[in-house]
Amino acid sequence: MKRSYLLFALLSCGVFTAQAQDKPKPEDTEVWEPAPKVVTPGKIDFQSAPGDAIVLFDGKNLDEWVSVADRTKPANWIVKDNIFTVNKSAGNIETKRSFNNYQLHIEWRVPANITGSGQARGNSGLFLASIGDGDAGYELQILDAYNNKTYVNGMAGSIYKQFIPLANPARKPGEWQAYDVIWTAPLFNEDGSLKSPARVTVFFNGVLVQNNTTLLGPTQYIGKPSYSKAHGASPIKLQAHGDKSEPLSFRNIWIREL
């Protein structure tokens, strides 16, 4: 009886150990090499909105945005001096309107006094389609990428945990950066199966970093992405990341529906 119990205990321990080892971890989907080539961006004039654009932030208010946690409530981030700054205690915000295919321009700034390193250095995210609460959606990473080592599919210009940027044209903290995005939304069949995946082209400070990239699905922090849930037109979301570094700021955001 004792020998049988001991054998059972040893076998059970082995099963539990294997299960613990097999449990997915965030690190499983981190890619560290090769690092994209560093490119010094040229001087560009940050763009004013075209005549047919919807202005999502004009420097005055966040009337085009709402809280993700409760869409009946306004976006409670801090507006001052023609920019707005992340309020981490207020959580993520997203646009009131939903979009399918579009051209988007957005400018963002890592504070000059940024501290921390890696993913804890000016972390936020631009979710090109927000498809649920929290961090659900398709994320284009926002992060200090100037002399800041991290996993390369999690650096600025990456499609987070999916695609490494083609180059690293990041400016120094304290300087304004720009994303120009062409987004093609995924399409689904009537039965919910995928008809055509999402695609995205991204210029980072005028440098092409994603070239008509086909996404594997919505962002997954742990595990592999897949198109497991059909959706239609979606808001655009900005992330209030939970790290302790100084919060980012944004300005001059506009969109053209395609």
Protein backbone atom coordinates (compact mmCIF):
# COMPACT_ATOMS: atom_id res chain seq x y z
CA MET A 1 0.00 0.00 0.00
CA LYS A 2 2.76 2.40 0.91
CA ARG A 3 4.72 1.56 -2.25
CA SER A 4 1.63 2.14 -4.41
CA TYR A 5 0.98 5.46 -2.71
CA LEU A 6 4.59 6.50 -3.20
CA LEU A 7 4.46 5.60 -6.90
CA PHE A 8 1.20 7.53 -7.33
CA ALA A 9 2.69 10.55 -5.57
CA LEU A 10 5.79 10.50 -7.78
CA LEU A 11 3.72 10.16 -10.96
CA SER A 12 1.37 12.94 -9.85
CA CYS A 13 4.31 15.21 -9.07
CA GLY A 14 5.71 14.57 -12.53
CA VAL A 15 2.38 15.43 -14.18
CA PHE A 16 2.02 18.67 -12.21
CA THR A 17 5.63 19.62 -12.97
CA ALA A 18 5.11 19.02 -16.68
CA GLN A 19 1.90 21.06 -16.63
CA ALA A 20 3.70 23.92 -14.86
CA GLN A 21 6.51 23.81 -17.41
CA ASP A 22 4.04 23.74 -20.33
CA LYS A 23 2.05 26.75 -19.10
CA PRO A 24 2.46 29.60 -21.64
CA LYS A 25 4.53 32.59 -20.54
CA PRO A 26 4.87 36.12 -21.98
CA GLU A 27 8.52 35.39 -22.79
CA ASP A 28 7.51 32.59 -25.18
CA THR A 29 6.53 35.11 -27.85
CA GLU A 30 9.34 37.63 -27.34
CA VAL A 31 11.86 37.98 -30.18
CA TRP A 32 15.17 39.72 -29.38
CA GLU A 33 17.17 39.44 -32.60
CA PRO A 34 17.94 40.68 -35.18
CA ALA A 35 17.53 44.30 -34.11
CA PRO A 36 16.27 46.64 -36.85
CA LYS A 37 18.79 49.03 -38.36
CA VAL A 38 18.88 52.42 -36.64
CA VAL A 39 17.96 55.19 -39.12
CA THR A 40 18.21 58.89 -38.36
CA PRO A 41 14.90 60.35 -39.53
CA GLY A 42 14.90 63.38 -41.76
CA LYS A 43 13.37 66.65 -40.74
CA ILE A 44 9.67 66.57 -41.49
CA ASP A 45 6.93 69.12 -41.11
CA PHE A 46 4.27 67.58 -38.91
CA GLN A 47 1.10 67.56 -40.92
CA SER A 48 -2.07 69.53 -40.51
CA ALA A 49 -5.25 67.65 -41.30
CA PRO A 50 -6.45 67.38 -44.93
CA GLY A 51 -9.78 68.96 -45.75
CA ASP A 52 -11.69 65.66 -45.75
CA ALA A 53 -10.22 64.36 -42.49
CA ILE A 54 -11.98 63.83 -39.19
CA VAL A 55 -9.96 65.65 -36.54
CA LEU A 56 -9.71 63.40 -33.49
CA PHE A 57 -7.72 65.91 -31.43
CA ASP A 58 -7.38 69.60 -32.29
CA GLY A 59 -5.55 70.72 -29.16
CA LYS A 60 -8.66 71.86 -27.33
CA ASN A 61 -10.55 68.89 -25.91
CA LEU A 62 -11.14 65.14 -26.01
CA ASP A 63 -14.71 65.33 -27.25
CA GLU A 64 -14.00 62.63 -29.85
CA TRP A 65 -12.86 60.16 -27.16
CA VAL A 66 -14.45 58.14 -24.34
CA SER A 67 -13.34 55.88 -21.52
CA VAL A 68 -12.89 52.23 -22.54
CA ALA A 69 -14.05 51.02 -19.13
CA ASP A 70 -17.35 52.89 -19.52
CA ARG A 71 -18.14 54.37 -22.91
CA THR A 72 -20.81 56.60 -21.37
CA LYS A 73 -18.03 58.52 -19.60
CA PRO A 74 -15.64 61.06 -21.17
CA ALA A 75 -11.94 60.38 -21.69
CA ASN A 76 -10.37 61.73 -18.51
CA TRP A 77 -6.84 62.34 -19.76
CA ILE A 78 -5.07 65.67 -19.21
CA VAL A 79 -5.45 68.39 -21.88
CA LYS A 80 -3.07 71.36 -21.62
CA ASP A 81 -1.10 73.59 -24.00
CA ASN A 82 -2.56 71.98 -27.15
CA ILE A 83 -1.51 68.44 -26.18
CA PHE A 84 -2.99 65.70 -24.03
CA THR A 85 -1.17 63.43 -21.60
CA VAL A 86 -1.96 59.92 -20.39
CA ASN A 87 -3.78 59.74 -17.07
CA LYS A 88 -2.90 56.21 -15.97
CA SER A 89 -5.45 56.17 -13.18
CA ALA A 90 -8.24 56.82 -15.71
CA GLY A 91 -7.42 53.81 -17.88
CA ASN A 92 -7.51 53.39 -21.64
CA ILE A 93 -9.44 55.70 -23.96
CA GLU A 94 -10.89 55.13 -27.42
CA THR A 95 -12.68 57.04 -30.15
CA LYS A 96 -16.43 57.55 -30.00
CA ARG A 97 -16.62 56.62 -33.66
CA SER A 98 -15.87 53.24 -35.20
CA PHE A 99 -13.88 52.76 -38.38
CA ASN A 100 -13.13 50.14 -41.00
CA ASN A 101 -10.36 51.09 -43.45
CA TYR A 102 -8.55 54.37 -42.86
CA GLN A 103 -5.50 56.62 -43.03
CA LEU A 104 -4.42 57.85 -39.58
CA HIS A 105 -1.92 60.47 -38.46
CA ILE A 106 -0.89 60.71 -34.80
CA GLU A 107 1.99 62.45 -33.02
CA TRP A 108 3.35 61.29 -29.66
CA ARG A 109 6.14 62.24 -27.28
CA VAL A 110 8.11 60.35 -24.66
CA PRO A 111 8.92 62.80 -21.84
CA ALA A 112 12.49 64.10 -21.76
CA ASN A 113 12.86 63.02 -18.13
CA ILE A 114 11.83 59.43 -18.82
CA THR A 115 13.22 56.78 -16.47
CA GLY A 116 13.17 53.01 -16.47
CA SER A 117 14.26 50.64 -19.22
CA GLY A 118 12.90 48.16 -21.70
CA GLN A 119 9.11 47.88 -21.69
CA ALA A 120 8.92 50.17 -18.64
CA ARG A 121 10.11 53.23 -20.56
CA GLY A 122 7.36 55.33 -22.08
CA ASN A 123 5.07 52.41 -22.83
CA SER A 124 1.71 52.90 -24.49
CA GLY A 125 -0.07 51.37 -27.45
CA LEU A 126 -2.07 52.51 -30.45
CA PHE A 127 -4.78 49.90 -30.99
CA LEU A 128 -5.71 50.15 -34.65
CA ALA A 129 -9.01 48.43 -33.91
CA SER A 130 -10.28 48.11 -30.35
CA ILE A 131 -12.41 45.01 -30.04
CA GLY A 132 -13.12 44.78 -26.32
CA ASP A 133 -12.30 45.96 -22.85
CA GLY A 134 -8.78 46.44 -21.57
CA ASP A 135 -6.03 45.79 -24.09
CA ALA A 136 -8.06 43.80 -26.60
CA GLY A 137 -7.39 44.71 -30.23
CA TYR A 138 -4.59 45.10 -32.77
CA GLU A 139 -1.66 46.99 -31.22
CA LEU A 140 0.97 49.16 -32.86
CA GLN A 141 3.50 49.61 -30.06
CA ILE A 142 4.41 53.02 -28.67
CA LEU A 143 7.61 53.02 -26.60
CA ASP A 144 10.92 54.83 -26.24
CA ALA A 145 13.11 53.10 -28.84
CA TYR A 146 16.06 55.49 -28.65
CA ASN A 147 18.97 53.52 -27.16
CA ASN A 148 16.49 51.40 -25.22
CA LYS A 149 16.99 47.65 -25.57
CA THR A 150 13.92 45.41 -25.47
CA TYR A 151 12.50 42.52 -27.46
CA VAL A 152 12.29 43.73 -31.04
CA ASN A 153 8.72 42.60 -31.65
CA GLY A 154 7.79 44.84 -28.72
CA MET A 155 9.70 48.01 -29.68
CA ALA A 156 8.22 51.18 -31.19
CA GLY A 157 6.99 50.53 -34.72
CA SER A 158 6.30 46.86 -34.08
CA ILE A 159 2.97 45.13 -34.40
CA TYR A 160 3.19 44.01 -30.81
CA LYS A 161 4.34 40.40 -30.35
CA GLN A 162 3.89 39.80 -34.10
CA PHE A 163 6.07 41.82 -36.50
CA ILE A 164 9.41 43.57 -36.03
CA PRO A 165 9.71 47.04 -37.61
CA LEU A 166 11.82 47.29 -40.78
CA ALA A 167 13.91 50.07 -39.21
CA ASN A 168 14.31 52.07 -36.01
CA PRO A 169 13.91 55.80 -36.78
CA ALA A 170 13.11 56.82 -33.20
CA ARG A 171 13.88 60.32 -31.99
CA LYS A 172 15.24 61.17 -28.54
CA PRO A 173 12.90 61.41 -25.55
CA GLY A 174 11.43 64.90 -25.41
CA GLU A 175 11.11 65.14 -29.21
CA TRP A 176 7.84 64.63 -31.08
CA GLN A 177 7.41 61.44 -33.10
CA ALA A 178 4.80 60.62 -35.74
CA TYR A 179 2.99 57.55 -36.99
CA ASP A 180 1.20 57.56 -40.33
CA VAL A 181 -0.90 54.42 -40.70
CA ILE A 182 -2.86 52.81 -43.52
CA TRP A 183 -5.22 50.25 -41.96
CA THR A 184 -7.21 47.61 -43.84
CA ALA A 185 -9.67 45.98 -41.48
CA PRO A 186 -10.21 42.21 -41.44
CA LEU A 187 -13.33 40.79 -43.04
CA PHE A 188 -15.35 37.85 -41.78
CA ASN A 189 -17.83 35.47 -43.40
CA GLU A 190 -21.41 35.17 -42.14
CA ASP A 191 -20.48 32.10 -40.09
CA GLY A 192 -17.76 34.09 -38.28
CA SER A 193 -14.82 32.54 -40.11
CA LEU A 194 -12.08 34.76 -41.47
CA LYS A 195 -12.58 36.01 -45.04
CA SER A 196 -9.49 38.25 -45.26
CA PRO A 197 -6.99 39.24 -42.54
CA ALA A 198 -6.11 42.74 -41.38
CA ARG A 199 -3.25 44.53 -43.13
CA VAL A 200 -1.28 47.59 -42.10
CA THR A 201 1.32 49.96 -43.51
CA VAL A 202 3.13 52.23 -41.04
CA PHE A 203 5.49 55.16 -41.51
CA PHE A 204 7.39 56.07 -38.32
CA ASN A 205 8.86 59.58 -38.50
CA GLY A 206 8.56 59.34 -42.29
CA VAL A 207 10.35 55.96 -42.50
CA LEU A 208 8.50 52.84 -43.64
CA VAL A 209 8.48 50.30 -40.79
CA GLN A 210 5.51 48.06 -41.74
CA ASN A 211 4.93 47.39 -45.44
CA ASN A 212 1.39 46.12 -46.07
CA THR A 213 1.93 43.66 -43.22
CA THR A 214 -0.68 40.91 -42.85
CA LEU A 215 -1.62 40.49 -39.20
CA LEU A 216 -2.00 37.07 -37.62
CA GLY A 217 -4.91 38.23 -35.46
CA PRO A 218 -5.53 40.56 -32.52
CA THR A 219 -2.66 41.16 -30.11
CA GLN A 220 -1.90 38.46 -27.56
CA TYR A 221 0.42 39.19 -24.62
CA ILE A 222 0.66 35.47 -23.91
CA GLY A 223 0.28 32.88 -26.64
CA LYS A 224 -0.15 33.05 -30.39
CA PRO A 225 -2.65 35.41 -32.07
CA SER A 226 -5.59 34.15 -34.12
CA TYR A 227 -8.85 35.47 -35.53
CA SER A 228 -11.09 33.73 -33.02
CA LYS A 229 -13.85 36.35 -32.87
CA ALA A 230 -15.53 38.11 -35.76
CA HIS A 231 -16.07 41.88 -35.55
CA GLY A 232 -16.96 44.85 -37.71
CA ALA A 233 -16.01 48.52 -37.63
CA SER A 234 -14.13 49.33 -34.41
CA PRO A 235 -12.91 52.31 -32.38
CA ILE A 236 -9.24 53.31 -32.19
CA LYS A 237 -7.75 52.96 -28.70
CA LEU A 238 -4.87 54.53 -26.77
CA GLN A 239 -3.39 52.63 -23.85
CA ALA A 240 -2.73 53.84 -20.31
CA HIS A 241 0.02 51.33 -19.61
CA GLY A 242 0.54 50.25 -16.02
CA ASP A 243 4.30 50.81 -15.80
CA LYS A 244 5.73 53.43 -13.41
CA SER A 245 7.53 55.59 -15.96
CA GLU A 246 6.46 59.14 -16.77
CA PRO A 247 3.35 59.31 -19.01
CA LEU A 248 3.40 60.07 -22.73
CA SER A 249 1.70 62.94 -24.53
CA PHE A 250 -0.15 63.17 -27.87
CA ARG A 251 -1.17 65.86 -30.35
CA ASN A 252 -2.41 66.42 -33.91
CA ILE A 253 -4.54 63.32 -34.48
CA TRP A 254 -6.66 63.00 -37.60
CA ILE A 255 -8.16 60.22 -39.71
CA ARG A 256 -9.44 59.77 -43.25
CA GLU A 257 -11.87 56.95 -43.91
CA LEU A 258 -10.96 54.91 -47.01
